[in-house]
N, C-alpha and C. Protein backbone atom coordinates (compact mmCIF):
# COMPACT_ATOMS: atom_id res chain seq x y z
N MET A 1 -158.38 -91.22 18.74
CA MET A 1 -157.59 -91.19 19.27
C MET A 1 -157.73 -89.18 19.51
N PHE A 2 -158.30 -88.86 18.96
CA PHE A 2 -158.80 -87.27 19.15
C PHE A 2 -159.69 -87.56 20.60
N HIS A 3 -160.89 -87.80 20.88
CA HIS A 3 -161.44 -88.19 21.97
C HIS A 3 -160.88 -87.77 22.93
N LYS A 4 -159.13 -89.23 23.10
CA LYS A 4 -159.01 -89.75 23.62
C LYS A 4 -157.79 -88.78 24.16
N ILE A 5 -157.70 -87.79 23.27
CA ILE A 5 -157.04 -86.86 24.34
C ILE A 5 -157.46 -85.86 24.33
N ILE A 6 -158.16 -85.15 24.63
CA ILE A 6 -159.33 -84.53 25.35
C ILE A 6 -159.53 -84.92 26.02
N LYS A 7 -160.23 -85.80 25.85
CA LYS A 7 -160.76 -86.62 27.17
C LYS A 7 -159.10 -86.57 28.94
N ASN A 8 -158.01 -86.53 28.08
CA ASN A 8 -157.14 -87.13 29.15
C ASN A 8 -156.57 -85.67 29.71
N ILE A 9 -156.82 -84.21 28.39
CA ILE A 9 -156.51 -83.18 29.11
C ILE A 9 -156.94 -82.22 30.05
N PHE A 10 -158.65 -82.97 30.12
CA PHE A 10 -159.96 -82.25 30.56
C PHE A 10 -159.89 -83.45 31.94
N HIS A 11 -159.15 -84.19 32.19
CA HIS A 11 -159.03 -85.00 33.32
C HIS A 11 -157.90 -84.20 33.90
N PHE A 12 -156.81 -83.96 33.40
CA PHE A 12 -155.37 -83.11 33.92
C PHE A 12 -155.90 -81.47 34.63
N ALA A 13 -157.22 -81.14 33.87
CA ALA A 13 -157.38 -79.98 34.43
C ALA A 13 -158.29 -79.87 35.32
N GLY A 14 -159.35 -80.95 36.01
CA GLY A 14 -159.70 -81.11 36.84
C GLY A 14 -158.61 -81.35 37.57
N ASN A 15 -158.02 -82.15 37.77
CA ASN A 15 -157.24 -82.32 39.27
C ASN A 15 -156.44 -81.38 39.41
N ILE A 16 -156.10 -80.92 39.11
CA ILE A 16 -155.29 -79.51 39.06
C ILE A 16 -156.36 -78.45 39.56
N LEU A 17 -157.60 -78.60 39.18
CA LEU A 17 -158.48 -77.29 39.95
C LEU A 17 -158.75 -78.28 41.30
N ARG A 18 -159.07 -78.79 41.54
CA ARG A 18 -159.31 -79.58 42.54
C ARG A 18 -158.17 -79.63 43.38
N LYS A 19 -156.65 -80.06 43.54
CA LYS A 19 -156.01 -79.42 44.11
C LYS A 19 -155.94 -77.72 44.43
N ALA A 20 -156.45 -77.16 43.66
CA ALA A 20 -156.03 -75.28 44.28
C ALA A 20 -157.61 -75.43 45.16
N LYS A 21 -159.33 -76.59 44.61
CA LYS A 21 -160.19 -76.11 45.75
C LYS A 21 -159.51 -76.41 47.28
N ILE A 22 -158.77 -77.76 47.19
CA ILE A 22 -158.56 -78.10 48.30
C ILE A 22 -157.62 -76.93 49.37
N ALA A 23 -156.46 -76.51 48.54
CA ALA A 23 -155.35 -75.50 48.67
C ALA A 23 -156.38 -74.52 49.06
N TYR A 24 -157.33 -74.06 48.64
CA TYR A 24 -157.97 -71.95 48.97
C TYR A 24 -158.69 -72.89 50.47
N LEU A 25 -159.29 -74.53 50.52
CA LEU A 25 -160.31 -74.86 51.57
C LEU A 25 -159.22 -74.20 52.82
N ARG A 26 -157.60 -75.06 52.68
CA ARG A 26 -156.90 -74.93 54.02
C ARG A 26 -157.38 -73.58 54.53
N GLY A 27 -156.16 -72.49 52.88
CA GLY A 27 -156.10 -71.11 53.23
C GLY A 27 -157.30 -70.29 54.30
N MET A 28 -158.64 -70.69 54.17
CA MET A 28 -160.33 -70.82 54.58
C MET A 28 -160.15 -71.22 56.03
N GLY A 29 -159.58 -71.63 56.29
CA GLY A 29 -158.76 -72.09 57.64
C GLY A 29 -159.73 -73.79 58.23
N VAL A 30 -160.18 -74.43 57.46
CA VAL A 30 -160.33 -75.87 56.67
C VAL A 30 -159.06 -77.01 56.90
N LYS A 31 -159.27 -77.67 57.87
CA LYS A 31 -157.82 -79.03 58.36
C LYS A 31 -158.67 -80.13 57.37
N ILE A 32 -158.07 -80.17 56.59
CA ILE A 32 -157.73 -81.07 55.43
C ILE A 32 -156.47 -81.93 55.46
N GLY A 33 -156.63 -83.21 55.14
CA GLY A 33 -156.46 -84.30 55.41
C GLY A 33 -155.50 -84.88 54.45
N LYS A 34 -154.51 -85.73 54.19
CA LYS A 34 -153.14 -86.67 53.48
C LYS A 34 -154.81 -87.26 52.21
N ASN A 35 -154.74 -87.28 51.01
CA ASN A 35 -155.69 -87.79 50.11
C ASN A 35 -157.30 -88.05 50.19
N THR A 36 -157.18 -86.34 50.39
CA THR A 36 -159.11 -86.18 50.59
C THR A 36 -159.01 -85.56 49.09
N ASN A 37 -160.33 -86.36 48.70
CA ASN A 37 -160.31 -86.20 47.44
C ASN A 37 -162.04 -85.00 47.93
N ILE A 38 -161.95 -83.91 47.08
CA ILE A 38 -162.97 -83.09 47.33
C ILE A 38 -163.82 -82.59 45.96
N SER A 39 -164.42 -83.32 45.63
CA SER A 39 -166.04 -83.04 44.25
C SER A 39 -165.59 -80.97 43.65
N LEU A 40 -165.65 -80.92 42.93
CA LEU A 40 -165.17 -79.39 42.71
C LEU A 40 -167.28 -79.05 42.67
N ARG A 41 -167.78 -79.67 42.40
CA ARG A 41 -168.95 -78.70 43.00
C ARG A 41 -169.43 -79.20 44.45
N ALA A 42 -168.47 -79.48 44.81
CA ALA A 42 -168.65 -80.03 46.39
C ALA A 42 -168.74 -78.16 46.87
N LYS A 43 -169.60 -77.72 48.68
CA LYS A 43 -169.38 -76.41 49.11
C LYS A 43 -169.54 -76.69 50.61
N ILE A 44 -167.95 -76.32 50.97
CA ILE A 44 -167.42 -76.56 51.58
C ILE A 44 -168.35 -75.14 53.26
N ASP A 45 -168.26 -75.51 53.85
CA ASP A 45 -169.32 -74.21 54.49
C ASP A 45 -167.80 -73.08 54.95
N THR A 46 -167.18 -71.59 54.30
CA THR A 46 -166.24 -71.27 55.29
C THR A 46 -166.13 -70.30 56.13
N ARG A 47 -167.21 -70.38 56.52
CA ARG A 47 -168.09 -68.68 56.79
C ARG A 47 -167.68 -68.11 58.17
N ARG A 48 -167.65 -69.52 59.59
CA ARG A 48 -167.71 -69.94 60.55
C ARG A 48 -167.68 -70.90 61.43
N GLY A 49 -167.66 -71.19 62.15
CA GLY A 49 -167.04 -72.17 63.15
C GLY A 49 -166.21 -73.28 62.12
N LYS A 50 -166.25 -74.39 62.00
CA LYS A 50 -164.55 -75.27 62.65
C LYS A 50 -165.06 -76.67 61.34
N ILE A 51 -164.75 -76.64 60.08
CA ILE A 51 -164.06 -77.75 59.90
C ILE A 51 -162.80 -78.56 59.12
N GLU A 52 -163.10 -80.13 59.69
CA GLU A 52 -162.16 -81.15 59.89
C GLU A 52 -162.50 -81.93 59.11
N ILE A 53 -161.69 -82.17 57.87
CA ILE A 53 -161.82 -83.77 57.19
C ILE A 53 -160.79 -84.16 57.60
N GLY A 54 -160.68 -85.45 57.65
CA GLY A 54 -159.53 -86.85 57.76
C GLY A 54 -159.05 -87.21 56.79
N ASP A 55 -157.73 -87.89 56.87
CA ASP A 55 -157.10 -88.88 55.65
C ASP A 55 -158.01 -89.21 55.18
N ASN A 56 -157.72 -89.57 53.41
CA ASN A 56 -158.78 -90.96 52.66
C ASN A 56 -159.60 -90.43 52.09
N CYS A 57 -160.27 -89.68 52.36
CA CYS A 57 -161.81 -89.14 52.74
C CYS A 57 -161.73 -88.55 50.99
N TYR A 58 -163.38 -88.74 50.64
CA TYR A 58 -164.38 -88.90 49.54
C TYR A 58 -164.95 -88.04 49.86
N ILE A 59 -164.64 -86.47 48.68
CA ILE A 59 -166.47 -86.15 49.15
C ILE A 59 -166.91 -85.92 47.96
N THR A 60 -168.20 -86.17 47.37
CA THR A 60 -168.48 -87.03 46.05
C THR A 60 -169.55 -85.05 45.81
N TYR A 61 -169.29 -84.75 43.95
CA TYR A 61 -170.67 -83.91 43.37
C TYR A 61 -172.01 -83.44 44.31
N GLY A 62 -171.86 -82.84 45.01
CA GLY A 62 -173.27 -82.17 44.75
C GLY A 62 -173.18 -82.14 46.63
N CYS A 63 -172.46 -82.15 47.31
CA CYS A 63 -172.09 -82.78 49.12
C CYS A 63 -172.64 -81.55 49.18
N ILE A 64 -172.88 -81.03 50.59
CA ILE A 64 -172.77 -79.17 51.67
C ILE A 64 -172.50 -79.20 52.85
N ILE A 65 -171.08 -79.33 53.43
CA ILE A 65 -171.18 -79.42 55.12
C ILE A 65 -170.97 -77.83 54.74
N LEU A 66 -171.95 -77.83 56.06
CA LEU A 66 -172.41 -76.48 56.59
C LEU A 66 -171.85 -76.63 58.26
N SER A 67 -171.04 -75.47 58.78
CA SER A 67 -170.59 -75.83 59.79
C SER A 67 -171.48 -74.18 60.73
N HIS A 68 -171.89 -73.79 59.97
CA HIS A 68 -173.41 -72.49 60.80
C HIS A 68 -174.91 -73.03 60.29
N ASP A 69 -175.41 -71.68 61.26
CA ASP A 69 -176.86 -71.72 61.59
C ASP A 69 -177.08 -70.94 61.42
N MET A 70 -177.35 -70.74 60.15
CA MET A 70 -178.08 -68.96 60.50
C MET A 70 -179.30 -68.48 61.43
N ALA A 71 -180.57 -69.30 61.27
CA ALA A 71 -182.22 -69.30 61.48
C ALA A 71 -181.47 -69.62 63.52
N ALA A 72 -180.47 -69.89 63.51
CA ALA A 72 -180.16 -70.72 65.17
C ALA A 72 -179.91 -69.01 66.29
N LYS A 73 -180.17 -67.62 65.64
CA LYS A 73 -179.24 -67.06 66.43
C LYS A 73 -181.59 -67.30 67.27
N ARG A 74 -181.48 -66.26 65.28
CA ARG A 74 -183.46 -66.30 65.61
C ARG A 74 -184.33 -67.67 66.81
N ILE A 75 -183.90 -68.60 67.08
CA ILE A 75 -185.22 -69.40 68.00
C ILE A 75 -184.10 -69.76 69.71
N ASN A 76 -182.64 -69.31 68.97
CA ASN A 76 -182.45 -68.95 70.96
C ASN A 76 -181.19 -68.00 70.51
N PRO A 77 -181.24 -66.80 70.85
CA PRO A 77 -180.54 -65.87 71.26
C PRO A 77 -179.10 -65.79 71.75
N ASN A 78 -178.78 -67.41 72.08
CA ASN A 78 -177.95 -67.06 72.77
C ASN A 78 -176.70 -68.29 71.65
N ASP A 79 -177.31 -67.79 70.97
CA ASP A 79 -176.84 -69.16 70.11
C ASP A 79 -176.27 -68.65 68.80
N ASP A 80 -174.86 -68.11 68.35
CA ASP A 80 -174.46 -67.18 67.21
C ASP A 80 -174.65 -68.14 65.92
N GLY A 81 -175.00 -69.71 66.13
CA GLY A 81 -174.77 -69.88 65.21
C GLY A 81 -173.74 -71.04 64.68
N SER A 82 -172.58 -70.42 65.52
CA SER A 82 -171.32 -71.43 64.32
C SER A 82 -170.87 -72.34 65.29
N GLY A 83 -170.63 -73.88 64.90
CA GLY A 83 -170.54 -75.30 64.70
C GLY A 83 -169.43 -75.54 64.59
N ARG A 84 -169.25 -76.80 64.48
CA ARG A 84 -168.55 -77.71 64.01
C ARG A 84 -168.68 -78.66 63.64
N VAL A 85 -167.23 -79.13 62.96
CA VAL A 85 -168.33 -80.14 61.53
C VAL A 85 -166.65 -81.17 61.25
N ILE A 86 -166.47 -82.67 62.04
CA ILE A 86 -165.13 -83.28 61.80
C ILE A 86 -165.56 -84.67 61.46
N ILE A 87 -164.97 -84.94 60.52
CA ILE A 87 -165.48 -86.06 59.56
C ILE A 87 -163.88 -86.24 59.44
N GLU A 88 -163.94 -88.18 60.40
CA GLU A 88 -162.80 -88.54 60.83
C GLU A 88 -162.38 -89.37 59.75
N ASP A 89 -160.73 -90.14 59.27
CA ASP A 89 -160.69 -91.00 58.02
C ASP A 89 -161.61 -91.83 57.43
N ASN A 90 -161.56 -92.14 56.65
CA ASN A 90 -161.82 -93.01 55.45
C ASN A 90 -163.01 -92.90 55.55
N VAL A 91 -163.73 -91.12 55.06
CA VAL A 91 -165.20 -91.29 55.25
C VAL A 91 -165.85 -91.95 53.33
N TYR A 92 -165.93 -91.87 53.47
CA TYR A 92 -167.18 -91.52 51.90
C TYR A 92 -167.85 -91.12 52.21
N ILE A 93 -167.89 -89.57 51.32
CA ILE A 93 -169.96 -89.76 51.52
C ILE A 93 -170.28 -88.93 49.77
N ALA A 94 -171.71 -89.77 49.98
CA ALA A 94 -171.90 -89.76 48.55
C ALA A 94 -172.58 -88.82 47.87
N VAL A 95 -172.68 -88.54 47.15
CA VAL A 95 -173.94 -87.60 46.27
C VAL A 95 -174.37 -87.17 46.63
N ASN A 96 -175.15 -85.58 46.42
CA ASN A 96 -176.76 -84.28 47.65
C ASN A 96 -176.29 -84.65 48.35
N SER A 97 -174.86 -85.05 49.25
CA SER A 97 -175.72 -85.66 51.43
C SER A 97 -174.76 -83.89 51.50
N VAL A 98 -176.18 -83.79 52.62
CA VAL A 98 -175.53 -82.57 53.56
C VAL A 98 -175.20 -82.60 55.12
N ILE A 99 -174.80 -82.18 55.59
CA ILE A 99 -173.86 -82.51 56.42
C ILE A 99 -173.73 -80.62 57.15
N LEU A 100 -174.60 -81.16 58.26
CA LEU A 100 -175.37 -80.20 59.27
C LEU A 100 -174.36 -80.16 60.27
N ARG A 101 -173.90 -78.22 60.55
CA ARG A 101 -173.02 -78.41 62.15
C ARG A 101 -173.55 -79.17 63.01
N ASN A 102 -172.39 -79.22 63.62
CA ASN A 102 -172.69 -79.55 65.30
C ASN A 102 -172.39 -81.55 64.51
N VAL A 103 -171.76 -82.75 63.67
CA VAL A 103 -171.92 -83.80 64.60
C VAL A 103 -170.29 -84.19 63.92
N ARG A 104 -170.25 -85.36 64.31
CA ARG A 104 -168.60 -86.15 63.70
C ARG A 104 -169.04 -87.00 63.58
N ILE A 105 -168.90 -87.89 61.56
CA ILE A 105 -169.12 -88.79 61.32
C ILE A 105 -166.85 -89.56 61.63
N GLY A 106 -167.97 -91.03 61.92
CA GLY A 106 -166.89 -91.86 62.69
C GLY A 106 -166.34 -92.16 61.24
N ARG A 107 -164.54 -92.27 61.47
CA ARG A 107 -163.86 -92.85 60.87
C ARG A 107 -164.59 -94.20 59.66
N ASN A 108 -164.56 -94.65 58.90
CA ASN A 108 -164.12 -95.73 58.54
C ASN A 108 -166.08 -95.44 57.62
N SER A 109 -167.36 -95.17 57.58
CA SER A 109 -167.70 -94.81 57.15
C SER A 109 -168.63 -94.81 56.30
N ILE A 110 -169.54 -95.06 55.69
CA ILE A 110 -170.55 -94.37 54.04
C ILE A 110 -172.30 -93.16 54.09
N ILE A 111 -171.30 -92.27 53.87
CA ILE A 111 -173.29 -91.70 54.05
C ILE A 111 -173.59 -91.49 52.56
N GLY A 112 -174.36 -92.48 52.23
CA GLY A 112 -175.67 -92.82 50.68
C GLY A 112 -176.17 -91.02 50.72
N ALA A 113 -176.24 -91.39 49.30
CA ALA A 113 -176.61 -90.05 48.77
C ALA A 113 -177.96 -89.46 49.17
N CYS A 114 -177.65 -88.57 49.40
CA CYS A 114 -178.72 -87.41 49.40
C CYS A 114 -179.74 -87.76 50.86
N SER A 115 -178.60 -88.32 51.51
CA SER A 115 -178.57 -88.33 53.03
C SER A 115 -178.11 -86.92 53.52
N VAL A 116 -179.22 -86.95 54.82
CA VAL A 116 -179.29 -85.55 55.42
C VAL A 116 -178.39 -85.83 56.58
N ILE A 117 -176.81 -85.77 57.41
CA ILE A 117 -176.77 -85.60 58.65
C ILE A 117 -176.66 -84.50 59.44
N THR A 118 -178.17 -84.76 60.91
CA THR A 118 -178.28 -83.45 61.64
C THR A 118 -177.13 -84.10 62.45
N LYS A 119 -177.26 -85.59 62.72
CA LYS A 119 -176.58 -86.28 64.61
C LYS A 119 -175.17 -86.66 64.64
N ASP A 120 -174.58 -86.31 65.25
CA ASP A 120 -173.01 -88.13 64.82
C ASP A 120 -173.05 -89.14 64.11
N VAL A 121 -172.16 -89.25 63.56
CA VAL A 121 -172.70 -91.17 62.79
C VAL A 121 -171.67 -91.92 63.93
N PRO A 122 -171.87 -93.60 64.47
CA PRO A 122 -170.68 -93.69 65.14
C PRO A 122 -169.77 -94.16 63.61
N PRO A 123 -168.21 -94.96 63.74
CA PRO A 123 -167.34 -95.32 62.95
C PRO A 123 -167.80 -96.57 62.36
N ASP A 124 -167.79 -97.28 61.74
CA ASP A 124 -167.94 -98.22 60.27
C ASP A 124 -169.38 -98.43 60.46
N VAL A 125 -169.68 -97.58 59.71
CA VAL A 125 -171.67 -97.70 59.41
C VAL A 125 -171.68 -97.62 58.23
N VAL A 126 -172.64 -97.37 57.37
CA VAL A 126 -173.64 -96.87 56.17
C VAL A 126 -174.87 -96.86 56.87
N VAL A 127 -174.77 -95.05 56.96
CA VAL A 127 -176.08 -94.20 56.66
C VAL A 127 -176.30 -93.27 55.33
N VAL A 128 -178.02 -93.86 56.06
CA VAL A 128 -178.42 -93.05 54.18
C VAL A 128 -180.05 -92.45 55.23
N GLY A 129 -180.42 -91.90 54.68
CA GLY A 129 -182.00 -91.05 53.95
C GLY A 129 -182.45 -89.61 54.80
N ASN A 130 -183.38 -88.86 55.45
CA ASN A 130 -183.81 -88.51 56.14
C ASN A 130 -185.17 -88.57 56.18
N PRO A 131 -184.54 -88.18 57.52
CA PRO A 131 -183.52 -88.03 58.89
C PRO A 131 -182.50 -89.60 58.17
N GLN A 132 -181.27 -89.65 59.51
CA GLN A 132 -180.40 -90.25 58.85
C GLN A 132 -180.67 -91.64 59.68
N LYS A 133 -180.53 -93.03 58.79
CA LYS A 133 -180.72 -93.89 59.73
C LYS A 133 -179.58 -95.53 59.14
N ILE A 134 -179.13 -95.85 60.10
CA ILE A 134 -177.77 -96.16 59.77
C ILE A 134 -178.69 -98.14 59.62
N ILE A 135 -178.30 -97.95 58.50
CA ILE A 135 -178.32 -99.33 57.58
C ILE A 135 -177.58 -100.86 57.87
N ARG A 136 -176.07 -100.08 58.10
CA ARG A 136 -175.53 -101.70 57.86
C ARG A 136 -174.24 -101.17 58.74
N TYR A 137 -173.91 -102.18 59.27
CA TYR A 137 -172.05 -102.56 60.47
C TYR A 137 -171.31 -103.27 59.50
N LEU A 138 -170.46 -102.41 59.23
CA LEU A 138 -168.91 -102.22 58.35
C LEU A 138 -168.18 -103.39 59.21
N GLU A 139 -167.37 -104.80 58.96
CA GLU A 139 -166.15 -104.55 59.72
C GLU A 139 -165.06 -104.07 59.19
N LYS A 140 -164.85 -104.11 61.12
CA LYS A 140 -162.61 -103.20 61.43
C LYS A 140 -162.36 -103.33 60.47
N ARG A 141 -161.89 -102.09 59.77
CA ARG A 141 -160.50 -103.24 58.88
C ARG A 141 -159.10 -102.69 60.66
């Protein structure tokens, strides 16, 4: 009984903290759609560039979403390093995945665990790995 009460308290506190994180990210300019869940341990870049996350997305533990590249200016002096990340509706990004700048992830797609996304992902696919690879095409909903 006591264990169940403690579990419910932590679950409730976690929900409040996740909502607070989403409110903070929105305040920093990240566009986040309805019913989107972002793990407390996910890192979303708020420094430069633009990030848009659609409705009904799930970004899990340890994910990193970057809209900038600090090394870009060293490679190309005309590149300030800022970019854009667009995650369309109904996207699931699994644990410890990294999404780099100038990427669009199509709706209803799944990004597998520990994947590194450097190029656009089409809608309705499962992508895994580093470098990213499409392993399955999903039926359109």
